Amino acid sequence: MEIEIKEIDAKGYSMAKDGGKQIGMMTYSIAGESLLIIDHTEVDPAYSGKGVGNQMLDKIVEMARVKNVKIIPLCPFAASVFKKTDNYKDVLK
């Protein structure tokens, strides 16, 4: 599985692909130079429970750390992951 991040204007996403097929996407809005708002997560039902959402979130968090950006997890999935672990406290707004 490959995870890529793309940004266009004030929007961005982390996309998961398996063999070139899109299997998941986590979208975010860029709210200034130091803030991202994760607003939606979608995973192909065939890949449910296989950690696709977590891997996409990990990629966004990794990018946020490099850019010194904070994250507001509005998406219910991202919000639940942020609440369950301390691993992302450094990027939580």
PDB file of N, CA and C in Angstrom:
ATOM      1  N   MET A   1       0.847  -1.180   0.000  1.00  0.00           N
ATOM      2  CA  MET A   1       0.000   0.000   0.000  1.00  0.00           C
ATOM      3  C   MET A   1       0.891   1.241   0.000  1.00  0.00           C
ATOM      4  N   GLU A   2       0.513   2.192  -0.845  1.00  0.00           N
ATOM      5  CA  GLU A   2       1.236   3.452  -0.904  1.00  0.00           C
ATOM      6  C   GLU A   2       0.328   4.559  -0.356  1.00  0.00           C
ATOM      7  N   ILE A   3       0.937   5.509   0.358  1.00  0.00           N
ATOM      8  CA  ILE A   3       0.205   6.669   0.865  1.00  0.00           C
ATOM      9  C   ILE A   3       0.895   7.907   0.307  1.00  0.00           C
ATOM     10  N   GLU A   4       0.121   8.775  -0.324  1.00  0.00           N
ATOM     11  CA  GLU A   4       0.688  10.019  -0.859  1.00  0.00           C
ATOM     12  C   GLU A   4      -0.106  11.211  -0.340  1.00  0.00           C
ATOM     13  N   ILE A   5       0.589  12.343  -0.256  1.00  0.00           N
ATOM     14  CA  ILE A   5      -0.056  13.594   0.160  1.00  0.00           C
ATOM     15  C   ILE A   5       0.020  14.566  -0.995  1.00  0.00           C
ATOM     16  N   LYS A   6      -1.092  15.233  -1.246  1.00  0.00           N
ATOM     17  CA  LYS A   6      -1.163  16.270  -2.283  1.00  0.00           C
ATOM     18  C   LYS A   6      -1.836  17.491  -1.684  1.00  0.00           C
ATOM     19  N   GLU A   7      -1.387  18.676  -2.109  1.00  0.00           N
ATOM     20  CA  GLU A   7      -2.014  19.927  -1.701  1.00  0.00           C
ATOM     21  C   GLU A   7      -2.290  20.771  -2.926  1.00  0.00           C
ATOM     22  N   ILE A   8      -3.498  21.328  -2.959  1.00  0.00           N
ATOM     23  CA  ILE A   8      -3.909  22.219  -4.046  1.00  0.00           C
ATOM     24  C   ILE A   8      -4.584  23.415  -3.395  1.00  0.00           C
ATOM     25  N   ASP A   9      -3.989  24.588  -3.566  1.00  0.00           N
ATOM     26  CA  ASP A   9      -4.498  25.814  -2.954  1.00  0.00           C
ATOM     27  C   ASP A   9      -4.617  25.619  -1.437  1.00  0.00           C
ATOM     28  N   ALA A  10      -5.808  25.780  -0.880  1.00  0.00           N
ATOM     29  CA  ALA A  10      -5.993  25.688   0.572  1.00  0.00           C
ATOM     30  C   ALA A  10      -6.561  24.334   1.007  1.00  0.00           C
ATOM     31  N   LYS A  11      -6.433  23.330   0.152  1.00  0.00           N
ATOM     32  CA  LYS A  11      -6.930  21.987   0.466  1.00  0.00           C
ATOM     33  C   LYS A  11      -5.807  20.973   0.275  1.00  0.00           C
ATOM     34  N   GLY A  12      -5.962  19.850   0.949  1.00  0.00           N
ATOM     35  CA  GLY A  12      -4.994  18.780   0.790  1.00  0.00           C
ATOM     36  C   GLY A  12      -5.621  17.457   1.117  1.00  0.00           C
ATOM     37  N   TYR A  13      -4.896  16.385   0.795  1.00  0.00           N
ATOM     38  CA  TYR A  13      -5.398  15.055   1.124  1.00  0.00           C
ATOM     39  C   TYR A  13      -4.256  14.067   1.232  1.00  0.00           C
ATOM     40  N   SER A  14      -4.539  13.012   1.976  1.00  0.00           N
ATOM     41  CA  SER A  14      -3.675  11.857   2.058  1.00  0.00           C
ATOM     42  C   SER A  14      -4.454  10.737   1.383  1.00  0.00           C
ATOM     43  N   MET A  15      -3.863  10.127   0.363  1.00  0.00           N
ATOM     44  CA  MET A  15      -4.566   9.091  -0.391  1.00  0.00           C
ATOM     45  C   MET A  15      -3.833   7.760  -0.257  1.00  0.00           C
ATOM     46  N   ALA A  16      -4.602   6.709   0.000  1.00  0.00           N
ATOM     47  CA  ALA A  16      -4.055   5.357   0.071  1.00  0.00           C
ATOM     48  C   ALA A  16      -4.389   4.627  -1.219  1.00  0.00           C
ATOM     49  N   LYS A  17      -3.381   3.951  -1.772  1.00  0.00           N
ATOM     50  CA  LYS A  17      -3.581   3.160  -2.984  1.00  0.00           C
ATOM     51  C   LYS A  17      -3.022   1.765  -2.765  1.00  0.00           C
ATOM     52  N   ASP A  18      -3.698   0.801  -3.359  1.00  0.00           N
ATOM     53  CA  ASP A  18      -3.245  -0.579  -3.323  1.00  0.00           C
ATOM     54  C   ASP A  18      -3.191  -1.054  -4.765  1.00  0.00           C
ATOM     55  N   GLY A  19      -1.979  -1.281  -5.264  1.00  0.00           N
ATOM     56  CA  GLY A  19      -1.824  -1.707  -6.652  1.00  0.00           C
ATOM     57  C   GLY A  19      -2.346  -0.675  -7.639  1.00  0.00           C
ATOM     58  N   GLY A  20      -2.224   0.602  -7.296  1.00  0.00           N
ATOM     59  CA  GLY A  20      -2.681   1.674  -8.181  1.00  0.00           C
ATOM     60  C   GLY A  20      -4.146   2.037  -8.003  1.00  0.00           C
ATOM     61  N   LYS A  21      -4.887   1.241  -7.237  1.00  0.00           N
ATOM     62  CA  LYS A  21      -6.308   1.509  -6.999  1.00  0.00           C
ATOM     63  C   LYS A  21      -6.472   2.335  -5.721  1.00  0.00           C
ATOM     64  N   GLN A  22      -7.250   3.420  -5.806  1.00  0.00           N
ATOM     65  CA  GLN A  22      -7.514   4.235  -4.620  1.00  0.00           C
ATOM     66  C   GLN A  22      -8.380   3.449  -3.648  1.00  0.00           C
ATOM     67  N   ILE A  23      -7.900   3.337  -2.397  1.00  0.00           N
ATOM     68  CA  ILE A  23      -8.659   2.603  -1.386  1.00  0.00           C
ATOM     69  C   ILE A  23      -9.045   3.475  -0.201  1.00  0.00           C
ATOM     70  N   GLY A  24      -8.520   4.694  -0.154  1.00  0.00           N
ATOM     71  CA  GLY A  24      -8.869   5.587   0.946  1.00  0.00           C
ATOM     72  C   GLY A  24      -8.394   6.991   0.704  1.00  0.00           C
ATOM     73  N   MET A  25      -9.082   7.950   1.376  1.00  0.00           N
ATOM     74  CA  MET A  25      -8.682   9.349   1.286  1.00  0.00           C
ATOM     75  C   MET A  25      -9.051  10.056   2.583  1.00  0.00           C
ATOM     76  N   MET A  26      -8.123  10.877   3.066  1.00  0.00           N
ATOM     77  CA  MET A  26      -8.353  11.726   4.222  1.00  0.00           C
ATOM     78  C   MET A  26      -8.086  13.153   3.752  1.00  0.00           C
ATOM     79  N   THR A  27      -9.101  14.017   3.871  1.00  0.00           N
ATOM     80  CA  THR A  27      -8.961  15.380   3.365  1.00  0.00           C
ATOM     81  C   THR A  27      -8.759  16.362   4.510  1.00  0.00           C
ATOM     82  N   TYR A  28      -8.093  17.469   4.177  1.00  0.00           N
ATOM     83  CA  TYR A  28      -7.881  18.526   5.163  1.00  0.00           C
ATOM     84  C   TYR A  28      -7.884  19.885   4.485  1.00  0.00           C
ATOM     85  N   SER A  29      -8.152  20.902   5.293  1.00  0.00           N
ATOM     86  CA  SER A  29      -8.095  22.289   4.848  1.00  0.00           C
ATOM     87  C   SER A  29      -6.869  22.926   5.471  1.00  0.00           C
ATOM     88  N   ILE A  30      -6.211  23.790   4.711  1.00  0.00           N
ATOM     89  CA  ILE A  30      -5.050  24.512   5.202  1.00  0.00           C
ATOM     90  C   ILE A  30      -5.559  25.858   5.719  1.00  0.00           C
ATOM     91  N   ALA A  31      -5.498  26.027   7.036  1.00  0.00           N
ATOM     92  CA  ALA A  31      -6.052  27.230   7.671  1.00  0.00           C
ATOM     93  C   ALA A  31      -4.913  28.127   8.160  1.00  0.00           C
ATOM     94  N   GLY A  32      -4.129  28.622   7.223  1.00  0.00           N
ATOM     95  CA  GLY A  32      -2.982  29.454   7.572  1.00  0.00           C
ATOM     96  C   GLY A  32      -1.689  28.668   7.479  1.00  0.00           C
ATOM     97  N   GLU A  33      -0.595  29.328   7.800  1.00  0.00           N
ATOM     98  CA  GLU A  33       0.725  28.721   7.641  1.00  0.00           C
ATOM     99  C   GLU A  33       1.019  27.641   8.672  1.00  0.00           C
ATOM    100  N   SER A  34       0.291  27.657   9.795  1.00  0.00           N
ATOM    101  CA  SER A  34       0.641  26.710  10.858  1.00  0.00           C
ATOM    102  C   SER A  34      -0.543  25.893  11.374  1.00  0.00           C
ATOM    103  N   LEU A  35      -1.585  25.714  10.525  1.00  0.00           N
ATOM    104  CA  LEU A  35      -2.754  24.977  10.984  1.00  0.00           C
ATOM    105  C   LEU A  35      -3.420  24.194   9.858  1.00  0.00           C
ATOM    106  N   LEU A  36      -3.720  22.918  10.152  1.00  0.00           N
ATOM    107  CA  LEU A  36      -4.488  22.056   9.251  1.00  0.00           C
ATOM    108  C   LEU A  36      -5.748  21.606   9.977  1.00  0.00           C
ATOM    109  N   ILE A  37      -6.827  21.456   9.227  1.00  0.00           N
ATOM    110  CA  ILE A  37      -8.070  20.937   9.792  1.00  0.00           C
ATOM    111  C   ILE A  37      -8.442  19.679   9.008  1.00  0.00           C
ATOM    112  N   ILE A  38      -8.334  18.530   9.657  1.00  0.00           N
ATOM    113  CA  ILE A  38      -8.728  17.276   9.014  1.00  0.00           C
ATOM    114  C   ILE A  38     -10.245  17.206   9.057  1.00  0.00           C
ATOM    115  N   ASP A  39     -10.869  17.104   7.869  1.00  0.00           N
ATOM    116  CA  ASP A  39     -12.326  17.211   7.829  1.00  0.00           C
ATOM    117  C   ASP A  39     -13.059  15.970   7.321  1.00  0.00           C
ATOM    118  N   HIS A  40     -12.366  15.000   6.754  1.00  0.00           N
ATOM    119  CA  HIS A  40     -13.098  13.840   6.225  1.00  0.00           C
ATOM    120  C   HIS A  40     -12.151  12.661   6.021  1.00  0.00           C
ATOM    121  N   THR A  41     -12.658  11.476   6.312  1.00  0.00           N
ATOM    122  CA  THR A  41     -11.919  10.237   6.050  1.00  0.00           C
ATOM    123  C   THR A  41     -12.859   9.242   5.395  1.00  0.00           C
ATOM    124  N   GLU A  42     -12.352   8.618   4.348  1.00  0.00           N
ATOM    125  CA  GLU A  42     -13.136   7.620   3.623  1.00  0.00           C
ATOM    126  C   GLU A  42     -12.221   6.448   3.279  1.00  0.00           C
ATOM    127  N   VAL A  43     -12.699   5.229   3.537  1.00  0.00           N
ATOM    128  CA  VAL A  43     -11.937   4.023   3.219  1.00  0.00           C
ATOM    129  C   VAL A  43     -12.862   3.047   2.503  1.00  0.00           C
ATOM    130  N   ASP A  44     -12.370   2.436   1.434  1.00  0.00           N
ATOM    131  CA  ASP A  44     -13.117   1.410   0.704  1.00  0.00           C
ATOM    132  C   ASP A  44     -13.547   0.335   1.699  1.00  0.00           C
ATOM    133  N   PRO A  45     -14.844  -0.016   1.710  1.00  0.00           N
ATOM    134  CA  PRO A  45     -15.340  -1.022   2.666  1.00  0.00           C
ATOM    135  C   PRO A  45     -14.561  -2.344   2.637  1.00  0.00           C
ATOM    136  N   ALA A  46     -14.010  -2.706   1.499  1.00  0.00           N
ATOM    137  CA  ALA A  46     -13.231  -3.944   1.400  1.00  0.00           C
ATOM    138  C   ALA A  46     -11.953  -3.876   2.240  1.00  0.00           C
ATOM    139  N   TYR A  47     -11.525  -2.672   2.609  1.00  0.00           N
ATOM    140  CA  TYR A  47     -10.299  -2.483   3.383  1.00  0.00           C
ATOM    141  C   TYR A  47     -10.583  -2.038   4.814  1.00  0.00           C
ATOM    142  N   SER A  48     -11.834  -2.061   5.200  1.00  0.00           N
ATOM    143  CA  SER A  48     -12.230  -1.654   6.550  1.00  0.00           C
ATOM    144  C   SER A  48     -11.541  -2.532   7.598  1.00  0.00           C
ATOM    145  N   GLY A  49     -11.039  -1.888   8.652  1.00  0.00           N
ATOM    146  CA  GLY A  49     -10.390  -2.622   9.736  1.00  0.00           C
ATOM    147  C   GLY A  49      -8.965  -3.036   9.457  1.00  0.00           C
ATOM    148  N   LYS A  50      -8.386  -2.573   8.356  1.00  0.00           N
ATOM    149  CA  LYS A  50      -7.023  -2.970   7.991  1.00  0.00           C
ATOM    150  C   LYS A  50      -5.997  -1.865   8.241  1.00  0.00           C
ATOM    151  N   GLY A  51      -6.393  -0.798   8.959  1.00  0.00           N
ATOM    152  CA  GLY A  51      -5.448   0.246   9.336  1.00  0.00           C
ATOM    153  C   GLY A  51      -5.194   1.298   8.275  1.00  0.00           C
ATOM    154  N   VAL A  52      -6.007   1.322   7.236  1.00  0.00           N
ATOM    155  CA  VAL A  52      -5.800   2.292   6.147  1.00  0.00           C
ATOM    156  C   VAL A  52      -5.952   3.718   6.672  1.00  0.00           C
ATOM    157  N   GLY A  53      -7.003   3.966   7.447  1.00  0.00           N
ATOM    158  CA  GLY A  53      -7.223   5.304   8.002  1.00  0.00           C
ATOM    159  C   GLY A  53      -6.066   5.748   8.888  1.00  0.00           C
ATOM    160  N   ASN A  54      -5.572   4.845   9.711  1.00  0.00           N
ATOM    161  CA  ASN A  54      -4.443   5.174  10.586  1.00  0.00           C
ATOM    162  C   ASN A  54      -3.187   5.499   9.789  1.00  0.00           C
ATOM    163  N   GLN A  55      -2.957   4.777   8.716  1.00  0.00           N
ATOM    164  CA  GLN A  55      -1.769   5.043   7.901  1.00  0.00           C
ATOM    165  C   GLN A  55      -1.859   6.399   7.202  1.00  0.00           C
ATOM    166  N   MET A  56      -3.067   6.748   6.738  1.00  0.00           N
ATOM    167  CA  MET A  56      -3.235   8.063   6.106  1.00  0.00           C
ATOM    168  C   MET A  56      -3.033   9.167   7.142  1.00  0.00           C
ATOM    169  N   LEU A  57      -3.561   8.959   8.352  1.00  0.00           N
ATOM    170  CA  LEU A  57      -3.385   9.946   9.417  1.00  0.00           C
ATOM    171  C   LEU A  57      -1.917  10.057   9.805  1.00  0.00           C
ATOM    172  N   ASP A  58      -1.214   8.934   9.905  1.00  0.00           N
ATOM    173  CA  ASP A  58       0.214   8.957  10.219  1.00  0.00           C
ATOM    174  C   ASP A  58       0.986   9.814   9.219  1.00  0.00           C
ATOM    175  N   LYS A  59       0.635   9.698   7.943  1.00  0.00           N
ATOM    176  CA  LYS A  59       1.331  10.454   6.894  1.00  0.00           C
ATOM    177  C   LYS A  59       1.085  11.951   7.055  1.00  0.00           C
ATOM    178  N   ILE A  60      -0.155  12.336   7.394  1.00  0.00           N
ATOM    179  CA  ILE A  60      -0.458  13.758   7.601  1.00  0.00           C
ATOM    180  C   ILE A  60       0.280  14.269   8.839  1.00  0.00           C
ATOM    181  N   VAL A  61       0.292  13.489   9.906  1.00  0.00           N
ATOM    182  CA  VAL A  61       0.990  13.893  11.139  1.00  0.00           C
ATOM    183  C   VAL A  61       2.494  14.032  10.880  1.00  0.00           C
ATOM    184  N   GLU A  62       3.055  13.099  10.134  1.00  0.00           N
ATOM    185  CA  GLU A  62       4.478  13.155   9.778  1.00  0.00           C
ATOM    186  C   GLU A  62       4.783  14.460   9.027  1.00  0.00           C
ATOM    187  N   MET A  63       3.929  14.805   8.064  1.00  0.00           N
ATOM    188  CA  MET A  63       4.100  16.028   7.295  1.00  0.00           C
ATOM    189  C   MET A  63       3.942  17.264   8.194  1.00  0.00           C
ATOM    190  N   ALA A  64       2.975  17.219   9.113  1.00  0.00           N
ATOM    191  CA  ALA A  64       2.746  18.338  10.024  1.00  0.00           C
ATOM    192  C   ALA A  64       3.971  18.580  10.917  1.00  0.00           C
ATOM    193  N   ARG A  65       4.584  17.514  11.355  1.00  0.00           N
ATOM    194  CA  ARG A  65       5.785  17.650  12.197  1.00  0.00           C
ATOM    195  C   ARG A  65       6.928  18.297  11.421  1.00  0.00           C
ATOM    196  N   VAL A  66       7.117  17.887  10.188  1.00  0.00           N
ATOM    197  CA  VAL A  66       8.178  18.449   9.358  1.00  0.00           C
ATOM    198  C   VAL A  66       7.949  19.942   9.122  1.00  0.00           C
ATOM    199  N   LYS A  67       6.685  20.312   8.884  1.00  0.00           N
ATOM    200  CA  LYS A  67       6.340  21.710   8.585  1.00  0.00           C
ATOM    201  C   LYS A  67       6.051  22.537   9.836  1.00  0.00           C
ATOM    202  N   ASN A  68       6.119  21.901  11.019  1.00  0.00           N
ATOM    203  CA  ASN A  68       5.800  22.565  12.281  1.00  0.00           C
ATOM    204  C   ASN A  68       4.389  23.157  12.258  1.00  0.00           C
ATOM    205  N   VAL A  69       3.424  22.296  11.902  1.00  0.00           N
ATOM    206  CA  VAL A  69       2.026  22.683  11.757  1.00  0.00           C
ATOM    207  C   VAL A  69       1.205  21.941  12.809  1.00  0.00           C
ATOM    208  N   LYS A  70       0.177  22.595  13.328  1.00  0.00           N
ATOM    209  CA  LYS A  70      -0.748  21.967  14.278  1.00  0.00           C
ATOM    210  C   LYS A  70      -1.975  21.463  13.519  1.00  0.00           C
ATOM    211  N   ILE A  71      -2.686  20.511  14.126  1.00  0.00           N
ATOM    212  CA  ILE A  71      -3.842  19.873  13.485  1.00  0.00           C
ATOM    213  C   ILE A  71      -5.071  19.973  14.385  1.00  0.00           C
ATOM    214  N   ILE A  72      -6.192  20.346  13.773  1.00  0.00           N
ATOM    215  CA  ILE A  72      -7.499  20.243  14.420  1.00  0.00           C
ATOM    216  C   ILE A  72      -8.210  19.069  13.747  1.00  0.00           C
ATOM    217  N   PRO A  73      -8.472  17.982  14.488  1.00  0.00           N
ATOM    218  CA  PRO A  73      -9.136  16.819  13.893  1.00  0.00           C
ATOM    219  C   PRO A  73     -10.664  16.926  13.989  1.00  0.00           C
ATOM    220  N   LEU A  74     -11.301  17.556  13.012  1.00  0.00           N
ATOM    221  CA  LEU A  74     -12.762  17.675  13.013  1.00  0.00           C
ATOM    222  C   LEU A  74     -13.450  16.398  12.551  1.00  0.00           C
ATOM    223  N   CYS A  75     -12.819  15.678  11.670  1.00  0.00           N
ATOM    224  CA  CYS A  75     -13.360  14.408  11.176  1.00  0.00           C
ATOM    225  C   CYS A  75     -13.533  13.449  12.361  1.00  0.00           C
ATOM    226  N   PRO A  76     -14.690  12.788  12.474  1.00  0.00           N
ATOM    227  CA  PRO A  76     -14.907  11.873  13.608  1.00  0.00           C
ATOM    228  C   PRO A  76     -13.840  10.784  13.744  1.00  0.00           C
ATOM    229  N   PHE A  77     -13.383  10.232  12.624  1.00  0.00           N
ATOM    230  CA  PHE A  77     -12.352   9.195  12.692  1.00  0.00           C
ATOM    231  C   PHE A  77     -11.060   9.761  13.268  1.00  0.00           C
ATOM    232  N   ALA A  78     -10.576  10.865  12.691  1.00  0.00           N
ATOM    233  CA  ALA A  78      -9.318  11.466  13.156  1.00  0.00           C
ATOM    234  C   ALA A  78      -9.443  11.899  14.618  1.00  0.00           C
ATOM    235  N   ALA A  79     -10.577  12.488  14.977  1.00  0.00           N
ATOM    236  CA  ALA A  79     -10.786  12.929  16.358  1.00  0.00           C
ATOM    237  C   ALA A  79     -10.702  11.750  17.326  1.00  0.00           C
ATOM    238  N   SER A  80     -11.289  10.605  16.943  1.00  0.00           N
ATOM    239  CA  SER A  80     -11.258   9.439  17.832  1.00  0.00           C
ATOM    240  C   SER A  80      -9.838   8.906  17.993  1.00  0.00           C
ATOM    241  N   VAL A  81      -9.056   8.927  16.925  1.00  0.00           N
ATOM    242  CA  VAL A  81      -7.674   8.454  17.016  1.00  0.00           C
ATOM    243  C   VAL A  81      -6.860   9.395  17.905  1.00  0.00           C
ATOM    244  N   PHE A  82      -7.032  10.700  17.745  1.00  0.00           N
ATOM    245  CA  PHE A  82      -6.314  11.668  18.579  1.00  0.00           C
ATOM    246  C   PHE A  82      -6.661  11.470  20.057  1.00  0.00           C
ATOM    247  N   LYS A  83      -7.916  11.129  20.353  1.00  0.00           N
ATOM    248  CA  LYS A  83      -8.343  10.931  21.739  1.00  0.00           C
ATOM    249  C   LYS A  83      -7.788   9.640  22.339  1.00  0.00           C
ATOM    250  N   LYS A  84      -7.574   8.627  21.502  1.00  0.00           N
ATOM    251  CA  LYS A  84      -7.152   7.314  21.985  1.00  0.00           C
ATOM    252  C   LYS A  84      -5.648   7.194  22.233  1.00  0.00           C
ATOM    253  N   THR A  85      -4.865   8.093  21.663  1.00  0.00           N
ATOM    254  CA  THR A  85      -3.408   7.950  21.758  1.00  0.00           C
ATOM    255  C   THR A  85      -2.733   9.268  22.116  1.00  0.00           C
ATOM    256  N   ASP A  86      -1.603   9.161  22.754  1.00  0.00           N
ATOM    257  CA  ASP A  86      -0.803  10.343  23.057  1.00  0.00           C
ATOM    258  C   ASP A  86       0.260  10.587  21.974  1.00  0.00           C
ATOM    259  N   ASN A  87       0.336   9.691  20.985  1.00  0.00           N
ATOM    260  CA  ASN A  87       1.374   9.772  19.957  1.00  0.00           C
ATOM    261  C   ASN A  87       1.304  11.043  19.116  1.00  0.00           C
ATOM    262  N   TYR A  88       0.148  11.690  19.080  1.00  0.00           N
ATOM    263  CA  TYR A  88      -0.027  12.853  18.228  1.00  0.00           C
ATOM    264  C   TYR A  88      -0.186  14.158  19.015  1.00  0.00           C
ATOM    265  N   LYS A  89       0.000  14.112  20.332  1.00  0.00           N
ATOM    266  CA  LYS A  89      -0.211  15.306  21.174  1.00  0.00           C
ATOM    267  C   LYS A  89       0.614  16.500  20.709  1.00  0.00           C
ATOM    268  N   ASP A  90       1.795  16.245  20.172  1.00  0.00           N
ATOM    269  CA  ASP A  90       2.681  17.339  19.770  1.00  0.00           C
ATOM    270  C   ASP A  90       2.125  18.146  18.596  1.00  0.00           C
ATOM    271  N   VAL A  91       1.202  17.583  17.815  1.00  0.00           N
ATOM    272  CA  VAL A  91       0.654  18.308  16.669  1.00  0.00           C
ATOM    273  C   VAL A  91      -0.800  18.719  16.884  1.00  0.00           C
ATOM    274  N   LEU A  92      -1.385  18.353  18.016  1.00  0.00           N
ATOM    275  CA  LEU A  92      -2.785  18.681  18.296  1.00  0.00           C
ATOM    276  C   LEU A  92      -2.944  20.150  18.661  1.00  0.00           C
ATOM    277  N   LYS A  93      -3.896  20.813  18.020  1.00  0.00           N
ATOM    278  CA  LYS A  93      -4.181  22.213  18.327  1.00  0.00           C
ATOM    279  C   LYS A  93      -5.234  22.265  19.409  1.00  0.00           C
TER     280      LYS A  93
END
